[in-house]
PDB file of N, CA and C in Angstrom:
ATOM      1  N   MET A   1      41.265  56.949  63.957  1.00  0.00           N
ATOM      2  CA  MET A   1      42.683  57.343  63.991  1.00  0.00           C
ATOM      3  C   MET A   1      42.810  58.761  64.529  1.00  0.00           C
ATOM      4  N   ILE A   2      41.951  59.650  64.021  1.00  0.00           N
ATOM      5  CA  ILE A   2      42.046  61.055  64.483  1.00  0.00           C
ATOM      6  C   ILE A   2      41.668  61.143  65.964  1.00  0.00           C
ATOM      7  N   SER A   3      40.656  60.394  66.366  1.00  0.00           N
ATOM      8  CA  SER A   3      40.246  60.438  67.775  1.00  0.00           C
ATOM      9  C   SER A   3      41.377  59.959  68.674  1.00  0.00           C
ATOM     10  N   ALA A   4      42.126  58.967  68.196  1.00  0.00           N
ATOM     11  CA  ALA A   4      43.246  58.451  68.990  1.00  0.00           C
ATOM     12  C   ALA A   4      44.315  59.525  69.146  1.00  0.00           C
ATOM     13  N   LEU A   5      44.600  60.247  68.076  1.00  0.00           N
ATOM     14  CA  LEU A   5      45.609  61.316  68.150  1.00  0.00           C
ATOM     15  C   LEU A   5      45.137  62.410  69.101  1.00  0.00           C
ATOM     16  N   LEU A   6      43.851  62.752  69.028  1.00  0.00           N
ATOM     17  CA  LEU A   6      43.321  63.783  69.923  1.00  0.00           C
ATOM     18  C   LEU A   6      43.427  63.318  71.369  1.00  0.00           C
ATOM     19  N   ALA A   7      43.144  62.056  71.619  1.00  0.00           N
ATOM     20  CA  ALA A   7      43.233  61.524  72.978  1.00  0.00           C
ATOM     21  C   ALA A   7      44.661  61.633  73.495  1.00  0.00           C
ATOM     22  N   VAL A   8      45.630  61.312  72.628  1.00  0.00           N
ATOM     23  CA  VAL A   8      47.039  61.405  73.036  1.00  0.00           C
ATOM     24  C   VAL A   8      47.396  62.849  73.347  1.00  0.00           C
ATOM     25  N   LEU A   9      46.942  63.774  72.513  1.00  0.00           N
ATOM     26  CA  LEU A   9      47.241  65.194  72.745  1.00  0.00           C
ATOM     27  C   LEU A   9      46.635  65.652  74.069  1.00  0.00           C
ATOM     28  N   VAL A  10      45.400  65.235  74.344  1.00  0.00           N
ATOM     29  CA  VAL A  10      44.748  65.623  75.601  1.00  0.00           C
ATOM     30  C   VAL A  10      45.538  65.090  76.787  1.00  0.00           C
ATOM     31  N   ILE A  11      45.971  63.834  76.696  1.00  0.00           N
ATOM     32  CA  ILE A  11      46.739  63.235  77.795  1.00  0.00           C
ATOM     33  C   ILE A  11      48.042  63.993  78.003  1.00  0.00           C
ATOM     34  N   LEU A  12      48.720  64.335  76.895  1.00  0.00           N
ATOM     35  CA  LEU A  12      49.988  65.062  77.012  1.00  0.00           C
ATOM     36  C   LEU A  12      49.758  66.432  77.637  1.00  0.00           C
ATOM     37  N   VAL A  13      48.701  67.110  77.226  1.00  0.00           N
ATOM     38  CA  VAL A  13      48.409  68.440  77.783  1.00  0.00           C
ATOM     39  C   VAL A  13      48.104  68.324  79.271  1.00  0.00           C
ATOM     40  N   LEU A  14      47.301  67.325  79.649  1.00  0.00           N
ATOM     41  CA  LEU A  14      46.984  67.139  81.066  1.00  0.00           C
ATOM     42  C   LEU A  14      48.252  66.846  81.856  1.00  0.00           C
ATOM     43  N   MET A  15      49.149  66.049  81.271  1.00  0.00           N
ATOM     44  CA  MET A  15      50.405  65.733  81.955  1.00  0.00           C
ATOM     45  C   MET A  15      51.226  67.001  82.161  1.00  0.00           C
ATOM     46  N   GLU A  16      51.204  67.895  81.171  1.00  0.00           N
ATOM     47  CA  GLU A  16      51.974  69.135  81.285  1.00  0.00           C
ATOM     48  C   GLU A  16      51.436  69.986  82.431  1.00  0.00           C
ATOM     49  N   TYR A  17      50.104  69.999  82.613  1.00  0.00           N
ATOM     50  CA  TYR A  17      49.520  70.826  83.674  1.00  0.00           C
ATOM     51  C   TYR A  17      49.592  70.139  85.037  1.00  0.00           C
ATOM     52  N   VAL A  18      49.306  68.830  85.050  1.00  0.00           N
ATOM     53  CA  VAL A  18      49.296  68.110  86.324  1.00  0.00           C
ATOM     54  C   VAL A  18      50.717  67.858  86.809  1.00  0.00           C
ATOM     55  N   PHE A  19      51.602  67.496  85.883  1.00  0.00           N
ATOM     56  CA  PHE A  19      53.000  67.230  86.250  1.00  0.00           C
ATOM     57  C   PHE A  19      53.928  68.144  85.457  1.00  0.00           C
ATOM     58  N   PRO A  20      54.076  69.401  85.870  1.00  0.00           N
ATOM     59  CA  PRO A  20      54.930  70.350  85.130  1.00  0.00           C
ATOM     60  C   PRO A  20      56.364  69.854  85.026  1.00  0.00           C
ATOM     61  N   TRP A  21      56.803  69.074  86.008  1.00  0.00           N
ATOM     62  CA  TRP A  21      58.184  68.595  86.001  1.00  0.00           C
ATOM     63  C   TRP A  21      58.379  67.475  84.993  1.00  0.00           C
ATOM     64  N   ALA A  22      57.288  66.879  84.536  1.00  0.00           N
ATOM     65  CA  ALA A  22      57.393  65.758  83.595  1.00  0.00           C
ATOM     66  C   ALA A  22      58.025  66.207  82.280  1.00  0.00           C
ATOM     67  N   SER A  23      57.754  67.452  81.872  1.00  0.00           N
ATOM     68  CA  SER A  23      58.303  67.936  80.600  1.00  0.00           C
ATOM     69  C   SER A  23      59.827  67.989  80.653  1.00  0.00           C
ATOM     70  N   GLN A  24      60.384  68.187  81.840  1.00  0.00           N
ATOM     71  CA  GLN A  24      61.839  68.279  81.962  1.00  0.00           C
ATOM     72  C   GLN A  24      62.488  66.901  81.808  1.00  0.00           C
ATOM     73  N   TYR A  25      61.775  65.854  82.236  1.00  0.00           N
ATOM     74  CA  TYR A  25      62.356  64.511  82.184  1.00  0.00           C
ATOM     75  C   TYR A  25      61.751  63.666  81.062  1.00  0.00           C
ATOM     76  N   SER A  26      60.849  64.272  80.262  1.00  0.00           N
ATOM     77  CA  SER A  26      60.210  63.517  79.178  1.00  0.00           C
ATOM     78  C   SER A  26      60.360  64.257  77.852  1.00  0.00           C
ATOM     79  N   PRO A  27      61.514  64.128  77.206  1.00  0.00           N
ATOM     80  CA  PRO A  27      61.734  64.806  75.918  1.00  0.00           C
ATOM     81  C   PRO A  27      60.828  64.264  74.820  1.00  0.00           C
ATOM     82  N   TRP A  28      60.267  63.056  75.039  1.00  0.00           N
ATOM     83  CA  TRP A  28      59.403  62.462  74.016  1.00  0.00           C
ATOM     84  C   TRP A  28      58.093  63.226  73.885  1.00  0.00           C
ATOM     85  N   THR A  29      57.732  64.001  74.911  1.00  0.00           N
ATOM     86  CA  THR A  29      56.477  64.758  74.848  1.00  0.00           C
ATOM     87  C   THR A  29      56.528  65.771  73.718  1.00  0.00           C
ATOM     88  N   GLU A  30      57.594  66.576  73.678  1.00  0.00           N
ATOM     89  CA  GLU A  30      57.703  67.597  72.642  1.00  0.00           C
ATOM     90  C   GLU A  30      57.858  66.954  71.269  1.00  0.00           C
ATOM     91  N   SER A  31      58.622  65.866  71.182  1.00  0.00           N
ATOM     92  CA  SER A  31      58.828  65.209  69.890  1.00  0.00           C
ATOM     93  C   SER A  31      57.515  64.621  69.377  1.00  0.00           C
ATOM     94  N   THR A  32      56.702  64.072  70.294  1.00  0.00           N
ATOM     95  CA  THR A  32      55.418  63.499  69.877  1.00  0.00           C
ATOM     96  C   THR A  32      54.491  64.587  69.365  1.00  0.00           C
ATOM     97  N   ILE A  33      54.423  65.714  70.083  1.00  0.00           N
ATOM     98  CA  ILE A  33      53.578  66.827  69.646  1.00  0.00           C
ATOM     99  C   ILE A  33      54.062  67.339  68.288  1.00  0.00           C
ATOM    100  N   GLY A  34      55.374  67.385  68.100  1.00  0.00           N
ATOM    101  CA  GLY A  34      55.923  67.851  66.824  1.00  0.00           C
ATOM    102  C   GLY A  34      55.519  66.922  65.691  1.00  0.00           C
ATOM    103  N   LEU A  35      55.519  65.608  65.952  1.00  0.00           N
ATOM    104  CA  LEU A  35      55.143  64.655  64.906  1.00  0.00           C
ATOM    105  C   LEU A  35      53.662  64.788  64.566  1.00  0.00           C
ATOM    106  N   VAL A  36      52.827  65.009  65.588  1.00  0.00           N
ATOM    107  CA  VAL A  36      51.384  65.134  65.347  1.00  0.00           C
ATOM    108  C   VAL A  36      51.100  66.390  64.534  1.00  0.00           C
ATOM    109  N   GLN A  37      51.768  67.482  64.909  1.00  0.00           N
ATOM    110  CA  GLN A  37      51.538  68.727  64.173  1.00  0.00           C
ATOM    111  C   GLN A  37      52.166  68.610  62.793  1.00  0.00           C
TER     112      GLN A  37
END
């Protein structure tokens, strides 16, 4: 379970760096990180 959460966090972080514009059109990214934290 923890490894799955870490994998999701890594994917989200990579998306933020690879696709900076994705954060503007993907409000679920911040909400997901908030739920994990």
